[in-house]
């Protein structure tokens, strides 16, 4: 998590404003990165048809 946070902060300092995380079915890691950055991840709920 700390490496990803450091990378996001570095890229943001260089002007990058949008990020996409590939989580490989480990969304808890992306959530931890977002929380470490002070961001709240968007909660998505899917309904079965």
PDB file of N, CA and C in Angstrom:
ATOM      1  N   UNK A   1       0.828  -1.186   0.000  1.00  0.00           N
ATOM      2  CA  UNK A   1       0.000   0.000   0.000  1.00  0.00           C
ATOM      3  C   UNK A   1       0.873   1.250   0.000  1.00  0.00           C
ATOM      4  N   UNK A   2       1.908   1.265   0.816  1.00  0.00           N
ATOM      5  CA  UNK A   2       2.743   2.463   0.914  1.00  0.00           C
ATOM      6  C   UNK A   2       3.447   2.784  -0.404  1.00  0.00           C
ATOM      7  N   UNK A   3       3.830   1.767  -1.158  1.00  0.00           N
ATOM      8  CA  UNK A   3       4.474   1.999  -2.459  1.00  0.00           C
ATOM      9  C   UNK A   3       3.480   2.625  -3.429  1.00  0.00           C
ATOM     10  N   UNK A   4       2.259   2.128  -3.449  1.00  0.00           N
ATOM     11  CA  UNK A   4       1.231   2.682  -4.332  1.00  0.00           C
ATOM     12  C   UNK A   4       0.906   4.119  -3.959  1.00  0.00           C
ATOM     13  N   UNK A   5       0.798   4.400  -2.671  1.00  0.00           N
ATOM     14  CA  UNK A   5       0.518   5.764  -2.209  1.00  0.00           C
ATOM     15  C   UNK A   5       1.644   6.697  -2.641  1.00  0.00           C
ATOM     16  N   UNK A   6       2.872   6.264  -2.454  1.00  0.00           N
ATOM     17  CA  UNK A   6       4.027   7.080  -2.849  1.00  0.00           C
ATOM     18  C   UNK A   6       4.014   7.350  -4.355  1.00  0.00           C
ATOM     19  N   UNK A   7       3.674   6.335  -5.140  1.00  0.00           N
ATOM     20  CA  UNK A   7       3.638   6.493  -6.592  1.00  0.00           C
ATOM     21  C   UNK A   7       2.535   7.465  -7.009  1.00  0.00           C
ATOM     22  N   UNK A   8       1.361   7.351  -6.415  1.00  0.00           N
ATOM     23  CA  UNK A   8       0.263   8.265  -6.724  1.00  0.00           C
ATOM     24  C   UNK A   8       0.651   9.696  -6.372  1.00  0.00           C
ATOM     25  N   UNK A   9       1.239   9.891  -5.211  1.00  0.00           N
ATOM     26  CA  UNK A   9       1.646  11.237  -4.805  1.00  0.00           C
ATOM     27  C   UNK A   9       2.689  11.809  -5.759  1.00  0.00           C
ATOM     28  N   UNK A  10       3.633  10.990  -6.191  1.00  0.00           N
ATOM     29  CA  UNK A  10       4.658  11.437  -7.133  1.00  0.00           C
ATOM     30  C   UNK A  10       4.035  11.811  -8.477  1.00  0.00           C
ATOM     31  N   UNK A  11       3.161  10.958  -8.986  1.00  0.00           N
ATOM     32  CA  UNK A  11       2.500  11.248 -10.259  1.00  0.00           C
ATOM     33  C   UNK A  11       1.623  12.494 -10.159  1.00  0.00           C
ATOM     34  N   UNK A  12       0.918  12.649  -9.056  1.00  0.00           N
ATOM     35  CA  UNK A  12       0.073  13.831  -8.861  1.00  0.00           C
ATOM     36  C   UNK A  12       0.920  15.100  -8.837  1.00  0.00           C
ATOM     37  N   UNK A  13       2.090  15.024  -8.232  1.00  0.00           N
ATOM     38  CA  UNK A  13       2.995  16.176  -8.191  1.00  0.00           C
ATOM     39  C   UNK A  13       3.482  16.549  -9.590  1.00  0.00           C
ATOM     40  N   UNK A  14       3.443  15.583 -10.506  1.00  0.00           N
ATOM     41  CA  UNK A  14       3.862  15.825 -11.885  1.00  0.00           C
ATOM     42  C   UNK A  14       2.693  16.213 -12.786  1.00  0.00           C
ATOM     43  N   UNK A  15       1.505  16.362 -12.197  1.00  0.00           N
ATOM     44  CA  UNK A  15       0.353  16.825 -12.957  1.00  0.00           C
ATOM     45  C   UNK A  15      -0.680  15.784 -13.328  1.00  0.00           C
ATOM     46  N   UNK A  16      -0.433  14.523 -13.008  1.00  0.00           N
ATOM     47  CA  UNK A  16      -1.422  13.484 -13.306  1.00  0.00           C
ATOM     48  C   UNK A  16      -2.598  13.665 -12.357  1.00  0.00           C
ATOM     49  N   UNK A  17      -3.807  13.668 -12.894  1.00  0.00           N
ATOM     50  CA  UNK A  17      -4.988  13.925 -12.070  1.00  0.00           C
ATOM     51  C   UNK A  17      -5.974  12.762 -12.003  1.00  0.00           C
ATOM     52  N   UNK A  18      -5.822  11.782 -12.855  1.00  0.00           N
ATOM     53  CA  UNK A  18      -6.752  10.650 -12.853  1.00  0.00           C
ATOM     54  C   UNK A  18      -5.957   9.359 -12.730  1.00  0.00           C
ATOM     55  N   UNK A  19      -6.478   8.450 -11.911  1.00  0.00           N
ATOM     56  CA  UNK A  19      -5.789   7.191 -11.652  1.00  0.00           C
ATOM     57  C   UNK A  19      -6.765   6.030 -11.772  1.00  0.00           C
ATOM     58  N   UNK A  20      -6.261   4.907 -12.183  1.00  0.00           N
ATOM     59  CA  UNK A  20      -7.049   3.681 -12.260  1.00  0.00           C
ATOM     60  C   UNK A  20      -6.213   2.578 -11.618  1.00  0.00           C
ATOM     61  N   UNK A  21      -6.806   1.869 -10.688  1.00  0.00           N
ATOM     62  CA  UNK A  21      -6.099   0.793 -10.005  1.00  0.00           C
ATOM     63  C   UNK A  21      -6.593  -0.557 -10.511  1.00  0.00           C
ATOM     64  N   UNK A  22      -5.682  -1.398 -10.945  1.00  0.00           N
ATOM     65  CA  UNK A  22      -6.008  -2.773 -11.290  1.00  0.00           C
ATOM     66  C   UNK A  22      -5.819  -3.589 -10.020  1.00  0.00           C
ATOM     67  N   UNK A  23      -6.904  -4.135  -9.501  1.00  0.00           N
ATOM     68  CA  UNK A  23      -6.855  -4.772  -8.189  1.00  0.00           C
ATOM     69  C   UNK A  23      -6.733  -6.289  -8.224  1.00  0.00           C
ATOM     70  N   UNK A  24      -6.960  -6.882  -9.382  1.00  0.00           N
ATOM     71  CA  UNK A  24      -6.888  -8.338  -9.502  1.00  0.00           C
ATOM     72  C   UNK A  24      -7.705  -9.027  -8.409  1.00  0.00           C
ATOM     73  N   UNK A  25      -8.942  -8.561  -8.257  1.00  0.00           N
ATOM     74  CA  UNK A  25      -9.897  -9.104  -7.284  1.00  0.00           C
ATOM     75  C   UNK A  25      -9.477  -8.912  -5.834  1.00  0.00           C
ATOM     76  N   UNK A  26      -8.652  -7.916  -5.583  1.00  0.00           N
ATOM     77  CA  UNK A  26      -8.240  -7.589  -4.217  1.00  0.00           C
ATOM     78  C   UNK A  26      -8.579  -6.122  -3.954  1.00  0.00           C
ATOM     79  N   UNK A  27      -9.867  -5.830  -3.965  1.00  0.00           N
ATOM     80  CA  UNK A  27     -10.314  -4.444  -3.829  1.00  0.00           C
ATOM     81  C   UNK A  27      -9.927  -3.827  -2.492  1.00  0.00           C
ATOM     82  N   UNK A  28      -9.700  -4.660  -1.481  1.00  0.00           N
ATOM     83  CA  UNK A  28      -9.309  -4.116  -0.178  1.00  0.00           C
ATOM     84  C   UNK A  28      -7.996  -3.335  -0.269  1.00  0.00           C
ATOM     85  N   UNK A  29      -7.116  -3.719  -1.179  1.00  0.00           N
ATOM     86  CA  UNK A  29      -5.860  -2.989  -1.361  1.00  0.00           C
ATOM     87  C   UNK A  29      -6.104  -1.610  -1.963  1.00  0.00           C
ATOM     88  N   UNK A  30      -6.981  -1.534  -2.962  1.00  0.00           N
ATOM     89  CA  UNK A  30      -7.305  -0.241  -3.572  1.00  0.00           C
ATOM     90  C   UNK A  30      -8.002   0.662  -2.563  1.00  0.00           C
ATOM     91  N   UNK A  31      -8.870   0.097  -1.756  1.00  0.00           N
ATOM     92  CA  UNK A  31      -9.553   0.870  -0.716  1.00  0.00           C
ATOM     93  C   UNK A  31      -8.531   1.413   0.279  1.00  0.00           C
ATOM     94  N   UNK A  32      -7.564   0.603   0.661  1.00  0.00           N
ATOM     95  CA  UNK A  32      -6.530   1.046   1.601  1.00  0.00           C
ATOM     96  C   UNK A  32      -5.699   2.180   1.010  1.00  0.00           C
ATOM     97  N   UNK A  33      -5.384   2.102  -0.280  1.00  0.00           N
ATOM     98  CA  UNK A  33      -4.639   3.177  -0.944  1.00  0.00           C
ATOM     99  C   UNK A  33      -5.468   4.453  -0.934  1.00  0.00           C
ATOM    100  N   UNK A  34      -6.728   4.347  -1.315  1.00  0.00           N
ATOM    101  CA  UNK A  34      -7.604   5.525  -1.333  1.00  0.00           C
ATOM    102  C   UNK A  34      -7.720   6.149   0.053  1.00  0.00           C
ATOM    103  N   UNK A  35      -7.909   5.333   1.044  1.00  0.00           N
ATOM    104  CA  UNK A  35      -8.023   5.862   2.412  1.00  0.00           C
ATOM    105  C   UNK A  35      -6.725   6.533   2.854  1.00  0.00           C
ATOM    106  N   UNK A  36      -5.595   5.957   2.491  1.00  0.00           N
ATOM    107  CA  UNK A  36      -4.304   6.553   2.840  1.00  0.00           C
ATOM    108  C   UNK A  36      -4.108   7.906   2.170  1.00  0.00           C
ATOM    109  N   UNK A  37      -4.740   8.084   1.014  1.00  0.00           N
ATOM    110  CA  UNK A  37      -4.658   9.346   0.284  1.00  0.00           C
ATOM    111  C   UNK A  37      -5.741  10.332   0.722  1.00  0.00           C
ATOM    112  N   UNK A  38      -6.586   9.905   1.658  1.00  0.00           N
ATOM    113  CA  UNK A  38      -7.659  10.773   2.127  1.00  0.00           C
ATOM    114  C   UNK A  38      -8.852  10.806   1.199  1.00  0.00           C
ATOM    115  N   UNK A  39      -8.987   9.765   0.378  1.00  0.00           N
ATOM    116  CA  UNK A  39     -10.091   9.672  -0.576  1.00  0.00           C
ATOM    117  C   UNK A  39     -11.055   8.574  -0.151  1.00  0.00           C
ATOM    118  N   UNK A  40     -12.313   8.793  -0.434  1.00  0.00           N
ATOM    119  CA  UNK A  40     -13.322   7.776  -0.153  1.00  0.00           C
ATOM    120  C   UNK A  40     -13.667   7.078  -1.462  1.00  0.00           C
ATOM    121  N   UNK A  41     -13.431   5.777  -1.567  1.00  0.00           N
ATOM    122  CA  UNK A  41     -13.775   5.073  -2.804  1.00  0.00           C
ATOM    123  C   UNK A  41     -15.283   5.041  -3.014  1.00  0.00           C
ATOM    124  N   UNK A  42     -15.683   5.033  -4.268  1.00  0.00           N
ATOM    125  CA  UNK A  42     -17.102   4.975  -4.616  1.00  0.00           C
ATOM    126  C   UNK A  42     -17.596   3.559  -4.380  1.00  0.00           C
ATOM    127  N   UNK A  43     -18.698   3.445  -3.677  1.00  0.00           N
ATOM    128  CA  UNK A  43     -19.291   2.138  -3.405  1.00  0.00           C
ATOM    129  C   UNK A  43     -20.234   1.788  -4.541  1.00  0.00           C
ATOM    130  N   UNK A  44     -20.041   0.646  -5.152  1.00  0.00           N
ATOM    131  CA  UNK A  44     -20.915   0.202  -6.225  1.00  0.00           C
ATOM    132  C   UNK A  44     -21.651  -1.047  -5.772  1.00  0.00           C
ATOM    133  N   UNK A  45     -22.936  -1.058  -6.026  1.00  0.00           N
ATOM    134  CA  UNK A  45     -23.757  -2.205  -5.671  1.00  0.00           C
ATOM    135  C   UNK A  45     -24.428  -2.726  -6.931  1.00  0.00           C
ATOM    136  N   UNK A  46     -24.302  -4.005  -7.186  1.00  0.00           N
ATOM    137  CA  UNK A  46     -24.941  -4.618  -8.342  1.00  0.00           C
ATOM    138  C   UNK A  46     -26.134  -5.427  -7.863  1.00  0.00           C
ATOM    139  N   UNK A  47     -27.251  -5.272  -8.565  1.00  0.00           N
ATOM    140  CA  UNK A  47     -28.451  -6.035  -8.227  1.00  0.00           C
ATOM    141  C   UNK A  47     -28.619  -7.173  -9.223  1.00  0.00           C
ATOM    142  N   UNK A  48     -28.976  -8.325  -8.711  1.00  0.00           N
ATOM    143  CA  UNK A  48     -29.249  -9.460  -9.589  1.00  0.00           C
ATOM    144  C   UNK A  48     -30.579  -9.238 -10.281  1.00  0.00           C
ATOM    145  N   UNK A  49     -30.671  -9.647 -11.523  1.00  0.00           N
ATOM    146  CA  UNK A  49     -31.908  -9.454 -12.300  1.00  0.00           C
ATOM    147  C   UNK A  49     -32.985 -10.412 -11.864  1.00  0.00           C
TER     148      UNK A  49
END
